[in-house]
């Protein structure tokens, strides 16, 4: 396997799948730690979580598209993937003040293999 491509497996690679699915760049405000009641419900359905759990709101916080349940590790990888996208587009001066969506579209154009749903390469 190409060493560059192996970088995109595991939880870090999964973060790009979520970006592909919901077409958004995550930021800390997209995550909310479970309340005590949420942990109780999670425990009943899934057993004891091995780490802190969060709700992720892919979309604006005032109008989330859907609420996903993720672990602290998955949240960290989502934010790390966001930092990677930001670094990869930072060299383009046209994107300095661009929206997250514009940055993501640019990133997708440079790395289409990470976004099969958005590029039709499923």
C-alpha atoms as a PDB file:
ATOM      1  CA  UNK A   1       0.000   0.000   0.000  1.00  0.00           C
ATOM      2  CA  UNK A   2       1.170   3.504  -0.781  1.00  0.00           C
ATOM      3  CA  UNK A   3       2.409   5.017   2.540  1.00  0.00           C
ATOM      4  CA  UNK A   4       0.447   8.195   1.800  1.00  0.00           C
ATOM      5  CA  UNK A   5      -2.802   6.240   1.413  1.00  0.00           C
ATOM      6  CA  UNK A   6      -2.199   4.235   4.595  1.00  0.00           C
ATOM      7  CA  UNK A   7      -2.446   7.572   6.420  1.00  0.00           C
ATOM      8  CA  UNK A   8      -6.179   7.574   5.623  1.00  0.00           C
ATOM      9  CA  UNK A   9      -7.215   4.303   7.281  1.00  0.00           C
ATOM     10  CA  UNK A  10      -8.654   3.758  10.744  1.00  0.00           C
ATOM     11  CA  UNK A  11     -10.466   6.502  12.670  1.00  0.00           C
ATOM     12  CA  UNK A  12      -8.688   9.281  10.749  1.00  0.00           C
ATOM     13  CA  UNK A  13      -9.846   7.831   7.435  1.00  0.00           C
ATOM     14  CA  UNK A  14     -13.336   7.329   8.836  1.00  0.00           C
ATOM     15  CA  UNK A  15     -13.479  11.066   9.544  1.00  0.00           C
ATOM     16  CA  UNK A  16     -13.274  11.703   5.805  1.00  0.00           C
ATOM     17  CA  UNK A  17     -16.137   9.267   5.239  1.00  0.00           C
ATOM     18  CA  UNK A  18     -18.300  11.373   7.548  1.00  0.00           C
ATOM     19  CA  UNK A  19     -17.222  14.544   5.721  1.00  0.00           C
ATOM     20  CA  UNK A  20     -18.136  12.791   2.462  1.00  0.00           C
ATOM     21  CA  UNK A  21     -21.523  11.708   3.786  1.00  0.00           C
ATOM     22  CA  UNK A  22     -22.571  15.073   5.251  1.00  0.00           C
ATOM     23  CA  UNK A  23     -20.389  17.496   3.250  1.00  0.00           C
ATOM     24  CA  UNK A  24     -19.161  19.505   6.214  1.00  0.00           C
ATOM     25  CA  UNK A  25     -15.951  20.380   8.024  1.00  0.00           C
ATOM     26  CA  UNK A  26     -16.267  19.648  11.734  1.00  0.00           C
ATOM     27  CA  UNK A  27     -15.413  22.187  14.390  1.00  0.00           C
ATOM     28  CA  UNK A  28     -15.587  21.953  18.202  1.00  0.00           C
ATOM     29  CA  UNK A  29     -19.046  23.516  18.292  1.00  0.00           C
ATOM     30  CA  UNK A  30     -20.378  20.510  16.321  1.00  0.00           C
ATOM     31  CA  UNK A  31     -19.815  18.268  19.369  1.00  0.00           C
ATOM     32  CA  UNK A  32     -21.674  17.995  22.662  1.00  0.00           C
ATOM     33  CA  UNK A  33     -20.661  15.588  25.414  1.00  0.00           C
ATOM     34  CA  UNK A  34     -23.375  13.192  26.534  1.00  0.00           C
ATOM     35  CA  UNK A  35     -25.494  14.206  29.472  1.00  0.00           C
ATOM     36  CA  UNK A  36     -25.937  11.787  32.358  1.00  0.00           C
ATOM     37  CA  UNK A  37     -29.287  10.711  30.900  1.00  0.00           C
ATOM     38  CA  UNK A  38     -27.710  10.051  27.493  1.00  0.00           C
ATOM     39  CA  UNK A  39     -25.045   7.861  29.096  1.00  0.00           C
ATOM     40  CA  UNK A  40     -27.819   5.874  30.829  1.00  0.00           C
ATOM     41  CA  UNK A  41     -29.645   5.286  27.537  1.00  0.00           C
ATOM     42  CA  UNK A  42     -26.388   4.411  25.790  1.00  0.00           C
ATOM     43  CA  UNK A  43     -25.522   1.929  28.555  1.00  0.00           C
ATOM     44  CA  UNK A  44     -28.903   0.198  28.260  1.00  0.00           C
ATOM     45  CA  UNK A  45     -28.588  -0.158  24.473  1.00  0.00           C
ATOM     46  CA  UNK A  46     -24.837  -0.722  24.054  1.00  0.00           C
ATOM     47  CA  UNK A  47     -23.225  -1.460  27.404  1.00  0.00           C
ATOM     48  CA  UNK A  48     -20.607   0.590  29.161  1.00  0.00           C
ATOM     49  CA  UNK A  49     -18.740   2.890  26.778  1.00  0.00           C
ATOM     50  CA  UNK A  50     -14.971   2.594  26.919  1.00  0.00           C
ATOM     51  CA  UNK A  51     -14.524   6.352  26.779  1.00  0.00           C
ATOM     52  CA  UNK A  52     -16.438   9.618  26.796  1.00  0.00           C
ATOM     53  CA  UNK A  53     -19.215   9.841  24.250  1.00  0.00           C
ATOM     54  CA  UNK A  54     -20.406  12.808  22.241  1.00  0.00           C
ATOM     55  CA  UNK A  55     -23.199  13.868  19.980  1.00  0.00           C
ATOM     56  CA  UNK A  56     -21.993  15.239  16.682  1.00  0.00           C
ATOM     57  CA  UNK A  57     -24.165  17.679  14.791  1.00  0.00           C
ATOM     58  CA  UNK A  58     -23.047  17.678  11.133  1.00  0.00           C
ATOM     59  CA  UNK A  59     -24.428  21.004  10.021  1.00  0.00           C
ATOM     60  CA  UNK A  60     -25.049  24.269  11.716  1.00  0.00           C
ATOM     61  CA  UNK A  61     -25.774  24.015  15.412  1.00  0.00           C
ATOM     62  CA  UNK A  62     -29.104  25.780  14.879  1.00  0.00           C
ATOM     63  CA  UNK A  63     -30.125  23.373  12.099  1.00  0.00           C
ATOM     64  CA  UNK A  64     -28.287  20.058  12.412  1.00  0.00           C
ATOM     65  CA  UNK A  65     -28.889  17.617   9.569  1.00  0.00           C
ATOM     66  CA  UNK A  66     -28.686  14.654  11.899  1.00  0.00           C
ATOM     67  CA  UNK A  67     -27.224  13.815  15.280  1.00  0.00           C
ATOM     68  CA  UNK A  68     -24.550  11.126  15.382  1.00  0.00           C
ATOM     69  CA  UNK A  69     -23.088   9.345  18.397  1.00  0.00           C
ATOM     70  CA  UNK A  70     -19.300   9.203  18.449  1.00  0.00           C
ATOM     71  CA  UNK A  71     -16.536   8.471  20.923  1.00  0.00           C
ATOM     72  CA  UNK A  72     -13.924  10.905  22.183  1.00  0.00           C
ATOM     73  CA  UNK A  73     -11.363   9.198  19.914  1.00  0.00           C
ATOM     74  CA  UNK A  74     -13.609   9.628  16.879  1.00  0.00           C
ATOM     75  CA  UNK A  75     -14.201  13.273  17.784  1.00  0.00           C
ATOM     76  CA  UNK A  76     -10.459  13.863  18.067  1.00  0.00           C
ATOM     77  CA  UNK A  77      -9.912  12.282  14.649  1.00  0.00           C
ATOM     78  CA  UNK A  78     -12.685  14.400  13.125  1.00  0.00           C
ATOM     79  CA  UNK A  79     -10.994  17.547  14.418  1.00  0.00           C
ATOM     80  CA  UNK A  80      -7.585  16.290  13.283  1.00  0.00           C
ATOM     81  CA  UNK A  81      -9.009  15.679   9.801  1.00  0.00           C
ATOM     82  CA  UNK A  82     -10.356  19.234   9.853  1.00  0.00           C
ATOM     83  CA  UNK A  83      -6.868  20.543  10.694  1.00  0.00           C
ATOM     84  CA  UNK A  84      -5.452  18.489   7.817  1.00  0.00           C
ATOM     85  CA  UNK A  85      -7.942  20.016   5.371  1.00  0.00           C
ATOM     86  CA  UNK A  86      -7.168  23.499   6.681  1.00  0.00           C
ATOM     87  CA  UNK A  87      -3.415  22.917   6.213  1.00  0.00           C
ATOM     88  CA  UNK A  88      -3.879  21.515   2.720  1.00  0.00           C
ATOM     89  CA  UNK A  89      -5.930  24.495   1.516  1.00  0.00           C
ATOM     90  CA  UNK A  90      -3.955  27.185   3.386  1.00  0.00           C
ATOM     91  CA  UNK A  91      -1.542  27.675   0.484  1.00  0.00           C
ATOM     92  CA  UNK A  92      -4.390  28.896  -1.734  1.00  0.00           C
ATOM     93  CA  UNK A  93      -4.751  32.642  -1.113  1.00  0.00           C
ATOM     94  CA  UNK A  94      -8.204  32.674  -2.700  1.00  0.00           C
ATOM     95  CA  UNK A  95      -9.443  30.496   0.162  1.00  0.00           C
ATOM     96  CA  UNK A  96      -8.047  32.611   2.993  1.00  0.00           C
ATOM     97  CA  UNK A  97     -11.490  33.981   3.940  1.00  0.00           C
ATOM     98  CA  UNK A  98     -13.539  31.259   2.261  1.00  0.00           C
ATOM     99  CA  UNK A  99     -16.383  29.388   3.892  1.00  0.00           C
ATOM    100  CA  UNK A 100     -15.837  25.894   5.227  1.00  0.00           C
ATOM    101  CA  UNK A 101     -17.902  24.542   2.364  1.00  0.00           C
ATOM    102  CA  UNK A 102     -15.697  26.286  -0.221  1.00  0.00           C
ATOM    103  CA  UNK A 103     -12.582  24.921   1.500  1.00  0.00           C
ATOM    104  CA  UNK A 104     -14.044  21.440   1.510  1.00  0.00           C
ATOM    105  CA  UNK A 105     -14.994  21.620  -2.179  1.00  0.00           C
ATOM    106  CA  UNK A 106     -11.446  22.679  -3.017  1.00  0.00           C
ATOM    107  CA  UNK A 107     -10.012  19.850  -0.897  1.00  0.00           C
ATOM    108  CA  UNK A 108     -12.335  17.336  -2.578  1.00  0.00           C
ATOM    109  CA  UNK A 109     -11.110  18.514  -5.990  1.00  0.00           C
ATOM    110  CA  UNK A 110      -7.508  17.767  -4.928  1.00  0.00           C
ATOM    111  CA  UNK A 111      -8.202  14.485  -3.078  1.00  0.00           C
ATOM    112  CA  UNK A 112     -11.241  12.928  -4.801  1.00  0.00           C
ATOM    113  CA  UNK A 113     -10.298   9.398  -3.681  1.00  0.00           C
ATOM    114  CA  UNK A 114     -11.253  10.386  -0.128  1.00  0.00           C
ATOM    115  CA  UNK A 115     -14.756  11.435  -1.173  1.00  0.00           C
ATOM    116  CA  UNK A 116     -16.303   8.741  -3.386  1.00  0.00           C
ATOM    117  CA  UNK A 117     -19.899   9.871  -2.782  1.00  0.00           C
ATOM    118  CA  UNK A 118     -19.221  13.474  -3.791  1.00  0.00           C
ATOM    119  CA  UNK A 119     -17.196  12.512  -6.869  1.00  0.00           C
ATOM    120  CA  UNK A 120     -19.281   9.531  -8.027  1.00  0.00           C
ATOM    121  CA  UNK A 121     -16.398   7.097  -7.478  1.00  0.00           C
ATOM    122  CA  UNK A 122     -18.236   4.739  -5.082  1.00  0.00           C
END
